[in-house]
PDB file of all heavy atoms in Angstrom:
ATOM      1  N   GLU A   1     -95.103-156.147  27.488  1.00  0.00           N
ATOM      2  CA  GLU A   1     -95.860-156.838  26.455  1.00  0.00           C
ATOM      3  C   GLU A   1     -94.950-157.308  25.340  1.00  0.00           C
ATOM      4  O   GLU A   1     -95.133-158.390  24.789  1.00  0.00           O
ATOM      5  CB  GLU A   1     -96.954-155.929  25.909  1.00  0.00           C
ATOM      6  CG  GLU A   1     -98.103-155.717  26.880  1.00  0.00           C
ATOM      7  CD  GLU A   1     -99.205-154.872  26.279  1.00  0.00           C
ATOM      8  OE1 GLU A   1     -99.045-154.414  25.140  1.00  0.00           O
ATOM      9  OE2 GLU A   1    -100.213-154.683  26.963  1.00  0.00           O
ATOM     10  N   ARG A   2     -93.946-156.510  24.985  1.00  0.00           N
ATOM     11  CA  ARG A   2     -93.004-156.934  23.955  1.00  0.00           C
ATOM     12  C   ARG A   2     -92.184-158.125  24.454  1.00  0.00           C
ATOM     13  O   ARG A   2     -91.933-159.071  23.717  1.00  0.00           O
ATOM     14  CB  ARG A   2     -92.093-155.776  23.556  1.00  0.00           C
ATOM     15  CG  ARG A   2     -92.816-154.655  22.818  1.00  0.00           C
ATOM     16  CD  ARG A   2     -91.860-153.818  21.995  1.00  0.00           C
ATOM     17  NE  ARG A   2     -90.875-153.129  22.825  1.00  0.00           N
ATOM     18  CZ  ARG A   2     -91.053-151.941  23.351  1.00  0.00           C
ATOM     19  NH1 ARG A   2     -92.194-151.292  23.162  1.00  0.00           N
ATOM     20  NH2 ARG A   2     -90.112-151.375  24.072  1.00  0.00           N
ATOM     21  N   ASP A   3     -91.787-158.081  25.702  1.00  0.00           N
ATOM     22  CA  ASP A   3     -91.003-159.182  26.262  1.00  0.00           C
ATOM     23  C   ASP A   3     -91.791-160.478  26.279  1.00  0.00           C
ATOM     24  O   ASP A   3     -91.237-161.562  26.104  1.00  0.00           O
ATOM     25  CB  ASP A   3     -90.543-158.833  27.689  1.00  0.00           C
ATOM     26  CG  ASP A   3     -89.474-157.742  27.695  1.00  0.00           C
ATOM     27  OD1 ASP A   3     -88.892-157.503  26.613  1.00  0.00           O
ATOM     28  OD2 ASP A   3     -89.251-157.137  28.748  1.00  0.00           O
ATOM     29  N   ASP A   4     -93.111-160.375  26.508  1.00  0.00           N
ATOM     30  CA  ASP A   4     -93.934-161.571  26.581  1.00  0.00           C
ATOM     31  C   ASP A   4     -93.989-162.319  25.257  1.00  0.00           C
ATOM     32  O   ASP A   4     -94.359-163.488  25.202  1.00  0.00           O
ATOM     33  CB  ASP A   4     -95.365-161.207  27.017  1.00  0.00           C
ATOM     34  CG  ASP A   4     -95.437-160.853  28.496  1.00  0.00           C
ATOM     35  OD1 ASP A   4     -94.464-161.169  29.208  1.00  0.00           O
ATOM     36  OD2 ASP A   4     -96.444-160.263  28.914  1.00  0.00           O
ATOM     37  N   LEU A   5     -93.649-161.635  24.155  1.00  0.00           N
ATOM     38  CA  LEU A   5     -93.668-162.270  22.850  1.00  0.00           C
ATOM     39  C   LEU A   5     -92.421-163.111  22.595  1.00  0.00           C
ATOM     40  O   LEU A   5     -92.365-163.848  21.618  1.00  0.00           O
ATOM     41  CB  LEU A   5     -93.805-161.209  21.751  1.00  0.00           C
ATOM     42  CG  LEU A   5     -95.100-160.392  21.786  1.00  0.00           C
ATOM     43  CD1 LEU A   5     -95.093-159.353  20.676  1.00  0.00           C
ATOM     44  CD2 LEU A   5     -96.316-161.298  21.644  1.00  0.00           C
ATOM     45  N   VAL A   6     -91.409-162.987  23.419  1.00  0.00           N
ATOM     46  CA  VAL A   6     -90.173-163.752  23.248  1.00  0.00           C
ATOM     47  C   VAL A   6     -90.376-165.157  23.806  1.00  0.00           C
ATOM     48  O   VAL A   6     -90.675-165.326  24.992  1.00  0.00           O
ATOM     49  CB  VAL A   6     -88.996-163.053  23.961  1.00  0.00           C
ATOM     50  CG1 VAL A   6     -87.731-163.888  23.824  1.00  0.00           C
ATOM     51  CG2 VAL A   6     -88.792-161.661  23.389  1.00  0.00           C
ATOM     52  N   LYS A   7     -90.219-166.165  22.972  1.00  0.00           N
ATOM     53  CA  LYS A   7     -90.450-167.543  23.397  1.00  0.00           C
ATOM     54  C   LYS A   7     -89.260-168.068  24.184  1.00  0.00           C
ATOM     55  O   LYS A   7     -88.111-167.753  23.892  1.00  0.00           O
ATOM     56  CB  LYS A   7     -90.682-168.433  22.175  1.00  0.00           C
ATOM     57  CG  LYS A   7     -91.925-168.111  21.394  1.00  0.00           C
ATOM     58  CD  LYS A   7     -92.060-169.038  20.194  1.00  0.00           C
ATOM     59  CE  LYS A   7     -93.277-168.701  19.369  1.00  0.00           C
ATOM     60  NZ  LYS A   7     -93.376-169.568  18.159  1.00  0.00           N
ATOM     61  N   THR A   8     -89.555-168.903  25.169  1.00  0.00           N
ATOM     62  CA  THR A   8     -88.487-169.625  25.851  1.00  0.00           C
ATOM     63  C   THR A   8     -87.993-170.750  24.947  1.00  0.00           C
ATOM     64  O   THR A   8     -88.658-171.148  23.980  1.00  0.00           O
ATOM     65  CB  THR A   8     -88.986-170.218  27.171  1.00  0.00           C
ATOM     66  OG1 THR A   8     -89.966-171.238  26.885  1.00  0.00           O
ATOM     67  CG2 THR A   8     -89.609-169.147  28.058  1.00  0.00           C
ATOM     68  N   GLU A   9     -86.832-171.287  25.276  1.00  0.00           N
ATOM     69  CA  GLU A   9     -86.302-172.413  24.494  1.00  0.00           C
ATOM     70  C   GLU A   9     -87.232-173.626  24.595  1.00  0.00           C
ATOM     71  O   GLU A   9     -87.407-174.370  23.627  1.00  0.00           O
ATOM     72  CB  GLU A   9     -84.893-172.770  24.968  1.00  0.00           C
ATOM     73  CG  GLU A   9     -83.879-171.656  24.762  1.00  0.00           C
ATOM     74  CD  GLU A   9     -83.767-171.220  23.312  1.00  0.00           C
ATOM     75  OE1 GLU A   9     -83.630-172.092  22.437  1.00  0.00           O
ATOM     76  OE2 GLU A   9     -83.830-169.997  23.060  1.00  0.00           O
ATOM     77  N   LYS A  10     -87.847-173.803  25.755  1.00  0.00           N
ATOM     78  CA  LYS A  10     -88.789-174.911  25.919  1.00  0.00           C
ATOM     79  C   LYS A  10     -89.998-174.731  25.013  1.00  0.00           C
ATOM     80  O   LYS A  10     -90.476-175.704  24.385  1.00  0.00           O
ATOM     81  CB  LYS A  10     -89.219-175.029  27.380  1.00  0.00           C
ATOM     82  CG  LYS A  10     -90.136-176.203  27.673  1.00  0.00           C
ATOM     83  CD  LYS A  10     -90.364-176.339  29.163  1.00  0.00           C
ATOM     84  CE  LYS A  10     -91.241-177.532  29.492  1.00  0.00           C
ATOM     85  NZ  LYS A  10     -91.384-177.721  30.970  1.00  0.00           N
ATOM     86  N   GLU A  11     -90.521-173.513  24.946  1.00  0.00           N
ATOM     87  CA  GLU A  11     -91.659-173.247  24.068  1.00  0.00           C
ATOM     88  C   GLU A  11     -91.299-173.507  22.612  1.00  0.00           C
ATOM     89  O   GLU A  11     -92.090-174.087  21.850  1.00  0.00           O
ATOM     90  CB  GLU A  11     -92.141-171.810  24.255  1.00  0.00           C
ATOM     91  CG  GLU A  11     -92.845-171.576  25.585  1.00  0.00           C
ATOM     92  CD  GLU A  11     -93.104-170.107  25.862  1.00  0.00           C
ATOM     93  OE1 GLU A  11     -92.372-169.244  25.318  1.00  0.00           O
ATOM     94  OE2 GLU A  11     -94.033-169.823  26.635  1.00  0.00           O
ATOM     95  N   LYS A  12     -90.101-173.092  22.214  1.00  0.00           N
ATOM     96  CA  LYS A  12     -89.645-173.364  20.847  1.00  0.00           C
ATOM     97  C   LYS A  12     -89.580-174.867  20.591  1.00  0.00           C
ATOM     98  O   LYS A  12     -90.009-175.356  19.539  1.00  0.00           O
ATOM     99  CB  LYS A  12     -88.271-172.735  20.608  1.00  0.00           C
ATOM    100  CG  LYS A  12     -88.240-171.224  20.646  1.00  0.00           C
ATOM    101  CD  LYS A  12     -86.801-170.747  20.491  1.00  0.00           C
ATOM    102  CE  LYS A  12     -86.659-169.262  20.716  1.00  0.00           C
ATOM    103  NZ  LYS A  12     -85.233-168.824  20.641  1.00  0.00           N
ATOM    104  N   MET A  13     -89.026-175.601  21.534  1.00  0.00           N
ATOM    105  CA  MET A  13     -88.907-177.049  21.393  1.00  0.00           C
ATOM    106  C   MET A  13     -90.273-177.692  21.207  1.00  0.00           C
ATOM    107  O   MET A  13     -90.478-178.502  20.280  1.00  0.00           O
ATOM    108  CB  MET A  13     -88.217-177.645  22.619  1.00  0.00           C
ATOM    109  CG  MET A  13     -88.058-179.156  22.571  1.00  0.00           C
ATOM    110  SD  MET A  13     -87.416-179.865  24.117  1.00  0.00           S
ATOM    111  CE  MET A  13     -88.921-179.886  25.108  1.00  0.00           C
ATOM    112  N   LEU A  14     -91.219-177.336  22.064  1.00  0.00           N
ATOM    113  CA  LEU A  14     -92.537-177.953  22.026  1.00  0.00           C
ATOM    114  C   LEU A  14     -93.285-177.616  20.741  1.00  0.00           C
ATOM    115  O   LEU A  14     -94.150-178.380  20.306  1.00  0.00           O
ATOM    116  CB  LEU A  14     -93.357-177.514  23.235  1.00  0.00           C
ATOM    117  CG  LEU A  14     -92.820-177.969  24.598  1.00  0.00           C
ATOM    118  CD1 LEU A  14     -93.648-177.376  25.725  1.00  0.00           C
ATOM    119  CD2 LEU A  14     -92.794-179.487  24.699  1.00  0.00           C
ATOM    120  N   GLN A  15     -92.947-176.492  20.126  1.00  0.00           N
ATOM    121  CA  GLN A  15     -93.616-176.067  18.902  1.00  0.00           C
ATOM    122  C   GLN A  15     -92.869-176.486  17.638  1.00  0.00           C
ATOM    123  O   GLN A  15     -93.231-176.080  16.538  1.00  0.00           O
ATOM    124  CB  GLN A  15     -93.819-174.544  18.939  1.00  0.00           C
ATOM    125  CG  GLN A  15     -94.780-174.105  20.027  1.00  0.00           C
ATOM    126  CD  GLN A  15     -94.831-172.598  20.220  1.00  0.00           C
ATOM    127  OE1 GLN A  15     -94.451-171.838  19.333  1.00  0.00           O
ATOM    128  NE2 GLN A  15     -95.293-172.168  21.386  1.00  0.00           N
ATOM    129  N   GLY A  16     -91.835-177.306  17.802  1.00  0.00           N
ATOM    130  CA  GLY A  16     -91.111-177.820  16.650  1.00  0.00           C
ATOM    131  C   GLY A  16     -90.184-176.825  15.983  1.00  0.00           C
ATOM    132  O   GLY A  16     -89.792-177.013  14.826  1.00  0.00           O
ATOM    133  N   GLU A  17     -89.798-175.777  16.707  1.00  0.00           N
ATOM    134  CA  GLU A  17     -88.893-174.772  16.160  1.00  0.00           C
ATOM    135  C   GLU A  17     -87.456-175.064  16.595  1.00  0.00           C
ATOM    136  O   GLU A  17     -87.218-175.847  17.515  1.00  0.00           O
ATOM    137  CB  GLU A  17     -89.320-173.380  16.638  1.00  0.00           C
ATOM    138  CG  GLU A  17     -90.728-172.999  16.228  1.00  0.00           C
ATOM    139  CD  GLU A  17     -91.179-171.686  16.841  1.00  0.00           C
ATOM    140  OE1 GLU A  17     -90.334-171.006  17.478  1.00  0.00           O
ATOM    141  OE2 GLU A  17     -92.363-171.337  16.691  1.00  0.00           O
ATOM    142  N   LEU A  18     -86.507-174.419  15.935  1.00  0.00           N
ATOM    143  CA  LEU A  18     -85.114-174.540  16.361  1.00  0.00           C
ATOM    144  C   LEU A  18     -84.970-174.014  17.790  1.00  0.00           C
ATOM    145  O   LEU A  18     -85.512-172.968  18.127  1.00  0.00           O
ATOM    146  CB  LEU A  18     -84.210-173.757  15.419  1.00  0.00           C
ATOM    147  CG  LEU A  18     -84.055-174.332  14.009  1.00  0.00           C
ATOM    148  CD1 LEU A  18     -83.351-173.320  13.107  1.00  0.00           C
ATOM    149  CD2 LEU A  18     -83.287-175.652  14.029  1.00  0.00           C
ATOM    150  N   TYR A  19     -84.220-174.757  18.606  1.00  0.00           N
ATOM    151  CA  TYR A  19     -84.051-174.370  20.009  1.00  0.00           C
ATOM    152  C   TYR A  19     -82.684-174.826  20.502  1.00  0.00           C
ATOM    153  O   TYR A  19     -82.007-175.641  19.864  1.00  0.00           O
ATOM    154  CB  TYR A  19     -85.158-174.985  20.870  1.00  0.00           C
ATOM    155  CG  TYR A  19     -85.010-176.474  21.077  1.00  0.00           C
ATOM    156  CD1 TYR A  19     -84.400-176.982  22.226  1.00  0.00           C
ATOM    157  CD2 TYR A  19     -85.431-177.390  20.112  1.00  0.00           C
ATOM    158  CE1 TYR A  19     -84.237-178.346  22.409  1.00  0.00           C
ATOM    159  CE2 TYR A  19     -85.279-178.740  20.281  1.00  0.00           C
ATOM    160  CZ  TYR A  19     -84.676-179.225  21.431  1.00  0.00           C
ATOM    161  OH  TYR A  19     -84.503-180.575  21.601  1.00  0.00           O
ATOM    162  N   ASP A  20     -82.307-174.299  21.650  1.00  0.00           N
ATOM    163  CA  ASP A  20     -81.027-174.625  22.274  1.00  0.00           C
ATOM    164  C   ASP A  20     -81.250-175.668  23.371  1.00  0.00           C
ATOM    165  O   ASP A  20     -81.806-175.348  24.418  1.00  0.00           O
ATOM    166  CB  ASP A  20     -80.404-173.360  22.866  1.00  0.00           C
ATOM    167  CG  ASP A  20     -79.101-173.634  23.603  1.00  0.00           C
ATOM    168  OD1 ASP A  20     -78.572-174.769  23.512  1.00  0.00           O
ATOM    169  OD2 ASP A  20     -78.606-172.706  24.271  1.00  0.00           O
ATOM    170  N   PRO A  21     -80.808-176.925  23.163  1.00  0.00           N
ATOM    171  CA  PRO A  21     -81.027-177.949  24.189  1.00  0.00           C
ATOM    172  C   PRO A  21     -80.198-177.739  25.451  1.00  0.00           C
ATOM    173  O   PRO A  21     -80.460-178.383  26.465  1.00  0.00           O
ATOM    174  CB  PRO A  21     -80.631-179.242  23.479  1.00  0.00           C
ATOM    175  CG  PRO A  21     -79.658-178.811  22.430  1.00  0.00           C
ATOM    176  CD  PRO A  21     -80.128-177.463  21.972  1.00  0.00           C
ATOM    177  N   GLY A  22     -79.223-176.830  25.391  1.00  0.00           N
ATOM    178  CA  GLY A  22     -78.437-176.519  26.579  1.00  0.00           C
ATOM    179  C   GLY A  22     -79.069-175.503  27.493  1.00  0.00           C
ATOM    180  O   GLY A  22     -78.483-175.132  28.520  1.00  0.00           O
ATOM    181  N   ASP A  23     -80.274-175.068  27.160  1.00  0.00           N
ATOM    182  CA  ASP A  23     -80.999-174.113  28.004  1.00  0.00           C
ATOM    183  C   ASP A  23     -81.158-174.676  29.418  1.00  0.00           C
ATOM    184  O   ASP A  23     -81.485-175.855  29.598  1.00  0.00           O
ATOM    185  CB  ASP A  23     -82.369-173.855  27.377  1.00  0.00           C
ATOM    186  CG  ASP A  23     -83.249-172.995  28.241  1.00  0.00           C
ATOM    187  OD1 ASP A  23     -82.991-171.783  28.321  1.00  0.00           O
ATOM    188  OD2 ASP A  23     -84.199-173.534  28.846  1.00  0.00           O
ATOM    189  N   PRO A  24     -80.937-173.856  30.455  1.00  0.00           N
ATOM    190  CA  PRO A  24     -80.992-174.378  31.833  1.00  0.00           C
ATOM    191  C   PRO A  24     -82.319-175.034  32.202  1.00  0.00           C
ATOM    192  O   PRO A  24     -82.339-176.044  32.917  1.00  0.00           O
ATOM    193  CB  PRO A  24     -80.737-173.126  32.684  1.00  0.00           C
ATOM    194  CG  PRO A  24     -79.923-172.239  31.797  1.00  0.00           C
ATOM    195  CD  PRO A  24     -80.440-172.462  30.414  1.00  0.00           C
ATOM    196  N   GLU A  25     -83.438-174.480  31.733  1.00  0.00           N
ATOM    197  CA  GLU A  25     -84.732-175.084  32.046  1.00  0.00           C
ATOM    198  C   GLU A  25     -84.836-176.487  31.458  1.00  0.00           C
ATOM    199  O   GLU A  25     -85.298-177.423  32.132  1.00  0.00           O
ATOM    200  CB  GLU A  25     -85.864-174.215  31.515  1.00  0.00           C
ATOM    201  CG  GLU A  25     -87.253-174.773  31.819  1.00  0.00           C
ATOM    202  CD  GLU A  25     -88.376-173.943  31.256  1.00  0.00           C
ATOM    203  OE1 GLU A  25     -88.124-173.105  30.352  1.00  0.00           O
ATOM    204  OE2 GLU A  25     -89.535-174.113  31.705  1.00  0.00           O
ATOM    205  N   LEU A  26     -84.380-176.660  30.226  1.00  0.00           N
ATOM    206  CA  LEU A  26     -84.434-177.976  29.596  1.00  0.00           C
ATOM    207  C   LEU A  26     -83.457-178.944  30.247  1.00  0.00           C
ATOM    208  O   LEU A  26     -83.761-180.133  30.399  1.00  0.00           O
ATOM    209  CB  LEU A  26     -84.162-177.849  28.097  1.00  0.00           C
ATOM    210  CG  LEU A  26     -85.244-177.091  27.308  1.00  0.00           C
ATOM    211  CD1 LEU A  26     -84.817-176.922  25.847  1.00  0.00           C
ATOM    212  CD2 LEU A  26     -86.577-177.813  27.398  1.00  0.00           C
ATOM    213  N   CYS A  27     -82.287-178.449  30.622  1.00  0.00           N
ATOM    214  CA  CYS A  27     -81.331-179.311  31.331  1.00  0.00           C
ATOM    215  C   CYS A  27     -81.929-179.817  32.635  1.00  0.00           C
ATOM    216  O   CYS A  27     -81.788-180.999  32.983  1.00  0.00           O
ATOM    217  CB  CYS A  27     -80.034-178.550  31.599  1.00  0.00           C
ATOM    218  SG  CYS A  27     -79.050-178.206  30.128  1.00  0.00           S
ATOM    219  N   ALA A  28     -82.611-178.943  33.357  1.00  0.00           N
ATOM    220  CA  ALA A  28     -83.252-179.349  34.616  1.00  0.00           C
ATOM    221  C   ALA A  28     -84.350-180.369  34.366  1.00  0.00           C
ATOM    222  O   ALA A  28     -84.513-181.330  35.133  1.00  0.00           O
ATOM    223  CB  ALA A  28     -83.803-178.124  35.335  1.00  0.00           C
ATOM    224  N   ASP A  29     -85.113-180.177  33.284  1.00  0.00           N
ATOM    225  CA  ASP A  29     -86.161-181.142  32.957  1.00  0.00           C
ATOM    226  C   ASP A  29     -85.578-182.517  32.651  1.00  0.00           C
ATOM    227  O   ASP A  29     -86.154-183.551  33.020  1.00  0.00           O
ATOM    228  CB  ASP A  29     -86.962-180.656  31.745  1.00  0.00           C
ATOM    229  CG  ASP A  29     -87.920-179.519  32.082  1.00  0.00           C
ATOM    230  OD1 ASP A  29     -88.069-179.200  33.280  1.00  0.00           O
ATOM    231  OD2 ASP A  29     -88.520-178.965  31.142  1.00  0.00           O
ATOM    232  N   ARG A  30     -84.434-182.558  31.986  1.00  0.00           N
ATOM    233  CA  ARG A  30     -83.807-183.849  31.665  1.00  0.00           C
ATOM    234  C   ARG A  30     -83.264-184.522  32.920  1.00  0.00           C
ATOM    235  O   ARG A  30     -83.287-185.757  33.032  1.00  0.00           O
ATOM    236  CB  ARG A  30     -82.713-183.670  30.616  1.00  0.00           C
ATOM    237  CG  ARG A  30     -83.262-183.287  29.242  1.00  0.00           C
ATOM    238  CD  ARG A  30     -82.237-183.491  28.145  1.00  0.00           C
ATOM    239  NE  ARG A  30     -81.070-182.643  28.315  1.00  0.00           N
ATOM    240  CZ  ARG A  30     -80.979-181.392  27.859  1.00  0.00           C
ATOM    241  NH1 ARG A  30     -81.995-180.845  27.214  1.00  0.00           N
ATOM    242  NH2 ARG A  30     -79.872-180.690  28.034  1.00  0.00           N
ATOM    243  N   VAL A  31     -82.789-183.737  33.860  1.00  0.00           N
ATOM    244  CA  VAL A  31     -82.358-184.319  35.136  1.00  0.00           C
ATOM    245  C   VAL A  31     -83.550-184.969  35.840  1.00  0.00           C
ATOM    246  O   VAL A  31     -83.455-186.093  36.362  1.00  0.00           O
ATOM    247  CB  VAL A  31     -81.713-183.245  36.037  1.00  0.00           C
ATOM    248  CG1 VAL A  31     -81.524-183.774  37.454  1.00  0.00           C
ATOM    249  CG2 VAL A  31     -80.377-182.807  35.455  1.00  0.00           C
ATOM    250  N   THR A  32     -84.691-184.286  35.839  1.00  0.00           N
ATOM    251  CA  THR A  32     -85.905-184.853  36.434  1.00  0.00           C
ATOM    252  C   THR A  32     -86.277-186.159  35.738  1.00  0.00           C
ATOM    253  O   THR A  32     -86.636-187.157  36.397  1.00  0.00           O
ATOM    254  CB  THR A  32     -87.063-183.857  36.339  1.00  0.00           C
ATOM    255  OG1 THR A  32     -86.722-182.664  37.074  1.00  0.00           O
ATOM    256  CG2 THR A  32     -88.349-184.442  36.900  1.00  0.00           C
ATOM    257  N   ALA A  33     -86.194-186.174  34.418  1.00  0.00           N
ATOM    258  CA  ALA A  33     -86.516-187.391  33.665  1.00  0.00           C
ATOM    259  C   ALA A  33     -85.547-188.521  33.995  1.00  0.00           C
ATOM    260  O   ALA A  33     -85.947-189.688  34.112  1.00  0.00           O
ATOM    261  CB  ALA A  33     -86.491-187.095  32.170  1.00  0.00           C
ATOM    262  N   GLN A  34     -84.283-188.188  34.164  1.00  0.00           N
ATOM    263  CA  GLN A  34     -83.294-189.222  34.497  1.00  0.00           C
ATOM    264  C   GLN A  34     -83.533-189.800  35.890  1.00  0.00           C
ATOM    265  O   GLN A  34     -83.353-191.006  36.109  1.00  0.00           O
ATOM    266  CB  GLN A  34     -81.888-188.637  34.368  1.00  0.00           C
ATOM    267  CG  GLN A  34     -81.503-188.367  32.918  1.00  0.00           C
ATOM    268  CD  GLN A  34     -80.321-187.439  32.767  1.00  0.00           C
ATOM    269  OE1 GLN A  34     -79.586-187.179  33.723  1.00  0.00           O
ATOM    270  NE2 GLN A  34     -80.148-186.904  31.561  1.00  0.00           N
ATOM    271  N   ARG A  35     -83.974-188.970  36.805  1.00  0.00           N
ATOM    272  CA  ARG A  35     -84.316-189.488  38.140  1.00  0.00           C
ATOM    273  C   ARG A  35     -85.521-190.425  38.060  1.00  0.00           C
ATOM    274  O   ARG A  35     -85.565-191.456  38.737  1.00  0.00           O
ATOM    275  CB  ARG A  35     -84.610-188.333  39.083  1.00  0.00           C
ATOM    276  CG  ARG A  35     -83.360-187.537  39.469  1.00  0.00           C
ATOM    277  CD  ARG A  35     -83.714-186.289  40.248  1.00  0.00           C
ATOM    278  NE  ARG A  35     -82.517-185.557  40.660  1.00  0.00           N
ATOM    279  CZ  ARG A  35     -82.500-184.272  40.985  1.00  0.00           C
ATOM    280  NH1 ARG A  35     -83.636-183.575  40.951  1.00  0.00           N
ATOM    281  NH2 ARG A  35     -81.377-183.691  41.335  1.00  0.00           N
ATOM    282  N   PHE A  36     -86.499-190.053  37.220  1.00  0.00           N
ATOM    283  CA  PHE A  36     -87.656-190.927  37.002  1.00  0.00           C
ATOM    284  C   PHE A  36     -87.210-192.265  36.418  1.00  0.00           C
ATOM    285  O   PHE A  36     -87.634-193.331  36.886  1.00  0.00           O
ATOM    286  CB  PHE A  36     -88.650-190.248  36.068  1.00  0.00           C
ATOM    287  CG  PHE A  36     -89.538-191.205  35.326  1.00  0.00           C
ATOM    288  CD1 PHE A  36     -90.505-191.941  35.995  1.00  0.00           C
ATOM    289  CD2 PHE A  36     -89.401-191.371  33.954  1.00  0.00           C
ATOM    290  CE1 PHE A  36     -91.314-192.836  35.312  1.00  0.00           C
ATOM    291  CE2 PHE A  36     -90.211-192.260  33.264  1.00  0.00           C
ATOM    292  CZ  PHE A  36     -91.171-192.996  33.943  1.00  0.00           C
TER     293      PHE A  36
END
């Protein structure tokens, strides 16, 4: 339950908080966008 409170970098980004754009999930999302 404590771990569930830790936001992912993507969640931080979507909520307008400081985040790390080098996060692997976000990097993968940008690759998908570039293919589109």
